[in-house]
Protein backbone atom coordinates (compact mmCIF):
# COMPACT_ATOMS: atom_id res chain seq x y z
CA MET A 1 0.10 -0.12 -0.09
CA ARG A 2 1.35 3.45 -1.11
CA ARG A 3 1.81 5.37 2.09
CA PHE A 4 1.64 8.97 0.47
CA HIS A 5 -1.05 9.95 -2.04
CA TYR A 6 0.61 10.50 -5.24
CA VAL A 7 0.95 8.38 -8.66
CA SER A 8 3.86 6.80 -10.16
CA ASP A 9 5.31 7.63 -13.55
CA GLU A 10 4.10 4.37 -14.88
CA GLU A 11 0.43 5.30 -13.66
CA ILE A 12 0.80 8.70 -15.46
CA LYS A 13 2.04 6.99 -18.70
CA ASN A 14 -0.75 4.30 -18.47
CA GLY A 15 -3.36 6.97 -18.41
CA GLU A 16 -4.45 6.26 -15.04
CA THR A 17 -4.78 9.90 -14.09
CA THR A 18 -7.27 10.81 -16.80
CA ASP A 19 -10.96 11.77 -16.26
CA ILE A 20 -13.41 8.82 -16.69
CA TYR A 21 -15.19 10.25 -19.57
CA PHE A 22 -12.01 10.01 -21.82
CA VAL A 23 -11.98 6.26 -20.86
CA ARG A 24 -15.58 5.96 -21.79
CA THR A 25 -15.01 8.00 -24.93
CA LYS A 26 -12.24 5.62 -26.00
CA GLU A 27 -14.55 2.63 -25.47
CA VAL A 28 -17.25 4.02 -27.52
CA LEU A 29 -15.05 4.88 -30.32
CA GLU A 30 -13.58 1.47 -30.56
CA ALA A 31 -16.90 -0.19 -30.27
CA LYS A 32 -18.12 1.86 -33.23
CA GLY A 33 -14.85 1.61 -35.14
CA LEU A 34 -13.97 5.16 -34.97
CA GLU A 35 -10.86 4.94 -32.83
CA LYS A 36 -8.66 5.58 -35.81
CA LYS A 37 -10.29 8.83 -36.89
CA HIS A 38 -7.24 11.15 -37.71
CA VAL A 39 -7.61 14.50 -35.71
CA ILE A 40 -5.53 17.75 -35.07
CA ALA A 41 -6.15 19.22 -31.62
CA GLU A 42 -4.78 22.39 -30.29
CA VAL A 43 -3.88 23.79 -26.73
CA THR A 44 -5.02 27.28 -26.28
CA SER A 45 -5.55 29.31 -22.93
CA GLY A 46 -8.49 31.43 -21.79
CA GLU A 47 -8.21 34.81 -20.17
CA LEU A 48 -5.08 34.65 -18.11
CA PRO A 49 -5.33 35.06 -14.19
CA GLY A 50 -5.38 38.58 -13.17
CA LYS A 51 -5.79 39.53 -16.77
CA TRP A 52 -2.09 39.12 -17.30
CA PRO A 53 -1.14 40.25 -20.75
CA TRP A 54 1.13 37.20 -21.30
CA GLY A 55 2.44 33.94 -19.67
CA ILE A 56 5.36 31.79 -19.61
CA LEU A 57 5.05 28.27 -20.88
CA CYS A 58 6.38 25.63 -18.55
CA GLY A 59 6.00 21.82 -18.53
CA ILE A 60 7.14 20.77 -22.12
CA GLU A 61 9.69 18.63 -21.00
CA GLU A 62 7.17 16.39 -18.94
CA GLU A 63 4.98 16.76 -22.07
CA ALA A 64 7.65 15.01 -24.11
CA SER A 65 7.90 12.25 -21.51
CA LEU A 66 4.15 11.88 -21.56
CA PHE A 67 3.75 11.39 -25.42
CA GLU A 68 6.97 9.40 -25.86
CA GLY A 69 6.14 6.14 -27.36
CA ILE A 70 2.53 7.18 -28.24
CA PRO A 71 1.97 7.08 -32.04
CA VAL A 72 1.15 10.66 -32.31
CA ASP A 73 3.06 13.88 -33.69
CA VAL A 74 3.24 16.82 -31.22
CA TYR A 75 4.24 20.33 -31.87
CA ALA A 76 4.86 22.87 -29.38
CA MET A 77 6.50 26.31 -28.45
CA PRO A 78 9.87 25.86 -26.75
CA GLU A 79 9.69 25.67 -23.08
CA GLY A 80 9.98 29.11 -21.40
CA SER A 81 8.29 30.73 -24.35
CA MET A 82 6.15 33.77 -23.73
CA PHE A 83 2.57 33.25 -24.87
CA ARG A 84 -0.61 35.32 -25.08
CA PRO A 85 -4.25 34.08 -24.91
CA GLU A 86 -4.73 36.06 -28.26
CA ASP A 87 -2.69 37.07 -31.13
CA TYR A 88 -2.37 40.81 -32.52
CA TYR A 89 -5.67 40.35 -34.33
CA GLY A 90 -7.62 38.81 -31.39
CA ASN A 91 -7.37 35.15 -32.54
CA ARG A 92 -6.75 32.34 -30.02
CA GLU A 93 -3.09 31.56 -29.87
CA PRO A 94 -2.19 27.70 -29.60
CA VAL A 95 0.91 26.56 -27.58
CA MET A 96 0.70 22.90 -28.72
CA ARG A 97 -0.66 20.89 -31.34
CA ILE A 98 -1.30 17.16 -31.47
CA GLU A 99 -1.88 15.11 -34.59
CA GLY A 100 -2.90 11.53 -34.54
CA SER A 101 -5.71 8.97 -34.18
CA TYR A 102 -8.02 10.42 -31.48
CA GLY A 103 -8.52 6.92 -29.97
CA LYS A 104 -4.78 6.47 -29.27
CA PHE A 105 -4.29 9.97 -27.20
CA CYS A 106 -7.59 10.99 -25.81
CA ILE A 107 -6.84 9.43 -22.25
CA TYR A 108 -3.85 11.68 -22.10
CA GLU A 109 -5.70 14.95 -22.21
CA THR A 110 -6.11 15.20 -18.64
CA PRO A 111 -2.40 14.57 -17.50
CA MET A 112 -1.36 16.65 -20.69
CA LEU A 113 -3.31 19.71 -19.44
CA GLY A 114 -2.30 19.36 -15.91
CA LEU A 115 1.48 19.11 -16.75
CA ILE A 116 1.38 22.77 -18.35
CA CYS A 117 -1.42 24.41 -16.47
CA GLN A 118 -0.10 24.62 -12.96
CA ALA A 119 3.77 24.99 -14.03
CA SER A 120 3.09 27.76 -16.32
CA GLY A 121 1.20 29.50 -13.77
CA ILE A 122 4.07 29.38 -11.26
CA ALA A 123 6.63 30.36 -13.87
CA THR A 124 4.50 33.33 -15.10
CA ARG A 125 4.39 34.88 -11.55
CA ALA A 126 8.21 34.28 -11.20
CA ALA A 127 8.65 36.03 -14.42
CA ARG A 128 6.41 39.03 -13.25
CA LEU A 129 8.20 39.47 -10.00
CA ARG A 130 11.54 39.13 -11.98
CA LYS A 131 10.48 41.94 -14.19
CA ILE A 132 9.45 44.01 -11.19
CA VAL A 133 12.61 43.82 -9.08
CA GLY A 134 15.23 43.93 -11.73
CA ASP A 135 18.56 42.01 -10.74
CA LYS A 136 17.62 41.82 -6.93
CA THR A 137 17.68 38.21 -5.57
CA LEU A 138 14.77 35.99 -5.60
CA ILE A 139 14.51 32.52 -3.83
CA SER A 140 11.52 30.20 -4.05
CA PHE A 141 10.47 29.36 -0.37
CA GLY A 142 6.89 28.04 -1.27
CA ILE A 143 7.22 23.98 -1.26
CA ARG A 144 6.15 23.88 2.36
CA ARG A 145 2.67 25.03 1.35
CA MET A 146 1.95 22.30 -1.36
CA HIS A 147 2.07 18.52 -1.49
CA PRO A 148 5.81 17.46 -1.26
CA ALA A 149 5.50 15.11 -4.56
CA LEU A 150 5.23 18.53 -6.19
CA SER A 151 8.27 20.20 -4.85
CA PRO A 152 10.59 19.49 -7.97
CA MET A 153 7.94 20.76 -10.30
CA ILE A 154 7.36 24.12 -8.33
CA ASP A 155 11.02 24.97 -7.88
CA ARG A 156 11.85 24.13 -11.42
CA ALA A 157 8.96 26.30 -12.65
CA ALA A 158 10.08 29.09 -10.33
CA TYR A 159 13.55 29.01 -11.56
CA ILE A 160 12.81 28.88 -15.00
CA GLY A 161 10.56 31.93 -14.64
CA GLY A 162 13.43 34.04 -13.55
CA PHE A 163 14.19 33.14 -9.73
CA ASP A 164 17.72 32.98 -8.71
CA GLY A 165 17.44 29.91 -6.33
CA VAL A 166 15.10 27.39 -4.67
CA SER A 167 14.87 26.05 -1.10
CA SER A 168 14.12 22.41 -1.79
CA LEU A 169 16.61 19.70 -1.99
CA SER A 170 14.65 17.80 -4.74
CA GLY A 171 13.91 20.98 -6.80
CA ALA A 172 17.85 22.11 -6.66
CA LYS A 173 18.78 18.34 -7.68
CA LEU A 174 16.30 18.59 -10.56
CA ILE A 175 17.62 22.16 -11.53
CA GLY A 176 21.31 21.42 -11.18
CA VAL A 177 21.96 24.03 -8.63
CA LYS A 178 22.60 24.21 -4.81
CA PRO A 179 19.68 24.57 -2.67
CA ALA A 180 19.46 28.14 -0.93
CA GLY A 181 18.08 29.24 2.44
CA THR A 182 18.93 30.65 5.80
CA MET A 183 17.60 29.53 8.93
CA PRO A 184 14.45 28.87 10.87
CA HIS A 185 13.19 30.50 14.03
CA ALA A 186 13.35 26.87 15.79
CA LEU A 187 17.17 26.96 15.75
CA ILE A 188 17.22 30.23 17.71
CA ILE A 189 14.56 29.18 20.15
CA VAL A 190 16.27 25.88 20.72
CA PHE A 191 19.49 27.69 21.76
CA GLY A 192 17.46 30.19 23.66
CA ASP A 193 19.49 32.97 22.73
CA GLN A 194 20.07 34.81 19.19
CA VAL A 195 23.71 35.43 19.33
CA LYS A 196 24.61 31.94 20.40
CA ALA A 197 22.50 30.53 17.61
CA TRP A 198 24.02 32.80 14.96
CA LYS A 199 27.43 32.05 16.21
CA ALA A 200 26.84 28.30 16.02
CA PHE A 201 25.43 28.48 12.73
CA ASP A 202 28.69 30.44 11.68
CA GLU A 203 31.00 27.83 13.24
CA VAL A 204 29.27 24.79 11.99
CA ILE A 205 27.98 25.41 8.64
CA SER A 206 30.26 25.45 5.53
CA PRO A 207 31.86 28.74 4.77
CA GLU A 208 30.43 28.63 1.11
CA VAL A 209 27.05 29.10 2.63
CA PRO A 210 25.95 32.71 3.02
CA ARG A 211 25.58 33.93 6.70
CA VAL A 212 22.13 35.22 6.79
CA ALA A 213 20.91 35.92 10.41
CA LEU A 214 16.97 35.73 11.15
CA VAL A 215 16.61 38.81 13.28
CA ASP A 216 12.90 38.93 14.32
CA THR A 217 12.56 35.98 16.95
CA TYR A 218 12.44 37.71 20.33
CA SER A 219 13.29 41.37 20.08
CA ASP A 220 12.96 44.48 17.91
CA GLU A 221 13.98 43.83 14.31
CA LYS A 222 16.37 46.73 14.36
CA MET A 223 18.10 45.63 17.56
CA GLU A 224 18.47 42.14 16.56
CA ALA A 225 20.01 43.38 13.15
CA ILE A 226 22.41 45.36 15.23
CA MET A 227 23.43 42.55 17.38
CA ALA A 228 23.86 40.17 14.62
CA ALA A 229 26.17 42.58 12.72
CA GLU A 230 28.16 43.02 15.91
CA ALA A 231 28.40 39.36 16.52
CA LEU A 232 29.63 38.10 13.20
CA LYS A 233 30.83 41.46 11.73
CA ASN A 234 32.28 40.95 8.24
CA ARG A 235 31.30 37.40 8.15
CA LEU A 236 27.66 38.39 8.11
CA ASP A 237 26.17 38.57 4.58
CA ALA A 238 22.56 39.37 5.26
CA VAL A 239 19.82 39.72 7.88
CA ARG A 240 16.47 38.28 7.19
CA LEU A 241 13.18 39.96 8.27
CA ASP A 242 10.22 37.36 8.26
CA THR A 243 8.14 39.36 10.62
CA PRO A 244 4.57 38.26 11.05
CA LEU A 245 1.94 40.35 9.36
CA SER A 246 0.24 41.03 12.80
CA ARG A 247 3.50 42.45 14.27
CA ARG A 248 4.76 44.21 11.28
CA GLY A 249 3.14 47.41 11.04
CA ASN A 250 4.58 49.36 7.86
CA PHE A 251 6.84 46.70 6.73
CA ALA A 252 8.79 49.14 4.22
CA GLU A 253 9.48 51.60 7.05
CA LEU A 254 10.72 48.76 9.08
CA ILE A 255 13.15 47.96 6.26
CA ARG A 256 14.42 51.51 6.05
CA GLU A 257 14.97 51.66 9.73
CA VAL A 258 17.07 48.55 9.82
CA ARG A 259 18.86 49.68 6.68
CA TRP A 260 19.68 53.07 8.38
CA GLU A 261 20.96 51.55 11.71
CA LEU A 262 23.28 49.00 9.90
CA ASN A 263 24.76 51.82 7.84
CA LEU A 264 25.17 54.04 10.61
CA ARG A 265 27.44 51.45 12.31
CA GLY A 266 29.45 50.94 9.11
CA PHE A 267 27.68 47.57 8.14
CA THR A 268 26.90 48.74 4.76
CA HIS A 269 27.89 45.34 3.33
CA VAL A 270 25.08 43.65 5.17
CA LYS A 271 22.04 43.01 3.00
CA ILE A 272 18.40 42.77 4.05
CA PHE A 273 16.59 39.68 3.01
CA VAL A 274 12.74 39.83 3.18
CA SER A 275 10.49 36.97 3.40
CA GLY A 276 6.89 36.22 4.64
CA GLY A 277 3.82 37.47 2.60
CA VAL A 278 5.74 38.72 -0.34
CA ASN A 279 3.79 39.09 -3.36
CA GLU A 280 3.30 41.18 -6.64
CA LYS A 281 1.45 43.84 -4.90
CA ASN A 282 4.05 44.63 -2.15
CA ILE A 283 7.33 43.64 -3.62
CA LEU A 284 8.19 46.78 -5.33
CA GLU A 285 7.62 48.98 -2.42
CA LEU A 286 9.71 46.58 -0.25
CA SER A 287 12.49 46.90 -2.91
CA GLN A 288 12.30 50.57 -3.06
CA ALA A 289 12.63 50.67 0.79
CA GLY A 290 15.91 48.86 0.69
CA ALA A 291 15.16 45.03 0.76
CA ASP A 292 18.17 43.46 -1.42
CA ALA A 293 16.67 39.71 -1.51
CA PHE A 294 13.28 38.26 -1.12
CA GLY A 295 12.15 34.68 -0.17
CA VAL A 296 8.67 34.03 -1.89
CA GLY A 297 6.58 31.23 -0.59
CA THR A 298 2.69 30.73 -0.70
CA TRP A 299 2.12 33.29 -3.24
CA LEU A 300 4.39 31.56 -5.72
CA SER A 301 3.79 28.04 -5.06
CA SER A 302 -0.09 28.47 -5.17
CA ALA A 303 0.08 30.54 -8.33
CA SER A 304 -3.32 30.50 -10.23
CA THR A 305 -3.29 27.86 -12.81
CA ILE A 306 -3.43 28.65 -16.55
CA ASP A 307 -6.67 27.58 -17.90
CA PHE A 308 -5.42 25.61 -21.05
CA ALA A 309 -7.88 23.60 -23.14
CA LEU A 310 -7.56 21.01 -25.90
CA ASP A 311 -9.71 21.32 -28.78
CA ILE A 312 -10.14 19.20 -32.06
CA VAL A 313 -9.66 21.67 -34.93
CA GLU A 314 -9.46 19.38 -37.82
CA MET A 315 -10.49 15.76 -38.69
CA ASP A 316 -9.51 13.67 -41.65
CA GLY A 317 -8.10 16.67 -43.22
CA LYS A 318 -11.25 18.74 -43.02
CA PRO A 319 -11.48 21.85 -40.68
CA CYS A 320 -13.71 21.37 -37.69
CA ALA A 321 -14.18 23.02 -34.37
CA LYS A 322 -16.91 23.56 -31.63
CA ARG A 323 -18.15 26.94 -31.40
CA GLY A 324 -16.14 29.69 -30.06
CA LYS A 325 -12.90 27.82 -31.36
CA LEU A 326 -11.27 28.50 -34.82
CA GLY A 327 -11.11 25.17 -37.16
CA GLY A 328 -8.18 24.13 -39.13
CA ARG A 329 -4.27 23.69 -38.37
CA LYS A 330 -2.46 26.69 -37.51
CA GLN A 331 0.99 28.28 -36.97
CA VAL A 332 1.84 30.83 -34.70
CA TRP A 333 4.23 33.54 -35.94
CA ARG A 334 6.36 35.76 -33.65
CA CYS A 335 8.15 38.84 -34.38
CA GLU A 336 11.91 38.49 -33.09
CA LYS A 337 12.12 42.11 -32.57
CA CYS A 338 8.91 43.10 -30.54
CA LEU A 339 7.53 39.62 -29.68
CA THR A 340 4.22 40.45 -31.48
CA ASP A 341 2.21 37.32 -32.54
CA VAL A 342 0.09 36.46 -35.47
CA VAL A 343 -1.92 33.28 -35.82
CA LEU A 344 -2.37 32.01 -39.60
CA PRO A 345 -3.75 28.89 -41.15
CA PHE A 346 -0.75 26.43 -41.55
CA ASN A 347 -0.61 26.67 -45.20
CA LYS A 348 -0.24 30.62 -45.19
CA PRO A 349 3.07 32.18 -45.98
CA LYS A 350 5.25 33.83 -43.29
CA PRO A 351 3.97 37.34 -42.63
CA LYS A 352 5.62 40.48 -41.60
CA CYS A 353 5.15 41.88 -38.25
CA PRO A 354 2.11 43.99 -38.40
CA LYS A 355 3.44 46.20 -35.52
CA CYS A 356 6.97 46.98 -36.39
CA GLY A 357 7.50 45.39 -39.77
CA GLY A 358 10.08 43.06 -38.39
CA GLU A 359 10.92 39.39 -39.33
CA MET A 360 8.63 36.82 -37.90
CA LYS A 361 9.67 33.09 -36.95
CA SER A 362 7.36 29.94 -36.43
CA MET A 363 6.83 29.27 -32.76
CA LEU A 364 4.97 25.63 -33.09
CA LYS A 365 7.95 23.17 -33.57
CA PRO A 366 8.16 19.50 -33.70
CA LEU A 367 8.38 18.05 -30.16
CA ILE A 368 7.22 14.28 -30.88
CA LYS A 369 7.20 12.43 -34.25
CA ASN A 370 5.43 9.25 -34.52
CA GLY A 371 6.02 8.79 -30.58
CA LYS A 372 9.78 9.80 -30.76
CA ILE A 373 11.18 12.95 -28.94
CA VAL A 374 12.80 15.14 -31.84
CA MET A 375 12.95 18.37 -29.99
CA LYS A 376 16.18 19.30 -27.99
CA LEU A 377 15.27 19.50 -24.50
CA PRO A 378 17.33 22.26 -22.98
CA LYS A 379 18.44 22.30 -19.35
CA PRO A 380 16.76 24.65 -16.78
CA LYS A 381 19.59 27.15 -16.83
CA GLU A 382 19.11 27.52 -20.68
CA ILE A 383 15.43 27.90 -20.43
CA ARG A 384 15.72 30.49 -17.65
CA SER A 385 18.13 32.52 -19.88
CA TYR A 386 15.58 32.43 -22.66
CA VAL A 387 12.97 33.64 -20.39
CA LEU A 388 15.21 36.64 -19.22
CA GLN A 389 15.75 37.62 -22.82
CA GLN A 390 12.16 37.78 -23.53
CA LEU A 391 11.45 39.64 -20.40
CA GLU A 392 13.75 42.47 -21.62
CA LYS A 393 11.07 43.13 -24.45
CA LEU A 394 8.07 42.69 -22.16
CA SER A 395 6.17 45.01 -19.77
CA ILE A 396 3.96 43.85 -16.85
CA ASN A 397 0.93 45.50 -18.18
CA GLU A 398 0.55 45.86 -21.93
CA GLU A 399 -1.76 48.30 -23.71
């Protein structure tokens, strides 16, 4: 008996995480001899959470694993690609396309959507924070709020979206980086003395780990920050403010106060690390107040999912689609200069950018050909760099 409530790789690959109506659909199609109907189906999103103008596509590597060995062709935007719900002209923009016998892949619709819906939501929130704070440090702290089986996915998506580091052992291992973190209040409470705890950490932990002292356990944050700086002096890299909301007051003012007192005593090298309740609404104010680094938890790991949907748009070579969706196989064209998108029928020639006249490139590229992975799957660090390059051309709110 499994002790924790999650499924194995094999169960996902076998279609055991699908919705029952796809199993019944497959049964009906087979009984009526329609399971070999060749279809083209596209994945598009509805309106993005918070009316975001763009999202970051995440989870394509897992999609490749899902469809590997299944006799279908899959086309997708490269992982980390910016996408929009609609193109320049208001047409729905596909991020993936699946071609094959519907009876062969219908049971994979549920896991296929799940693999990108949640990961893309997290990556998008991460990218939006990165855009707001510029080059300040962002660390993913949110795995404790979610099922532990999801910790690698959560931290990978956060890192791809632009975060600098992650706290989980499993996430860091998957990404290929060292886990990042500071110290818990429990360490200080067990010692019963802040200074003893900070000094013990400094004595025991490897020198390559930054010395970040948690300074809000017993006393005023300003006083504990001064105590930590005087105790560790040049060895102290940062102080962390994790003050509960109920005791915080004006958090930005608290940061300014701590910064002033540290500078006044010559500890200008000591950075201020902020965690606890950090989100898109308050991070800019905290950054402007003097925070140098942020640990972002629940707001990131519980990001709103992207409502992707899969719809058949062509069958046996003829366009077809339910109402509200556009029929026929399509290609998404993107301007490399301004990231404007245009969706056209697949057989139409490459257009010029309607916004700036720049060259456009096709975005839906082969991922799977007859069950074989054909797309190069980049490492998380490469995907993150791709995201950061796109962010230079994007704004948080677009007209």
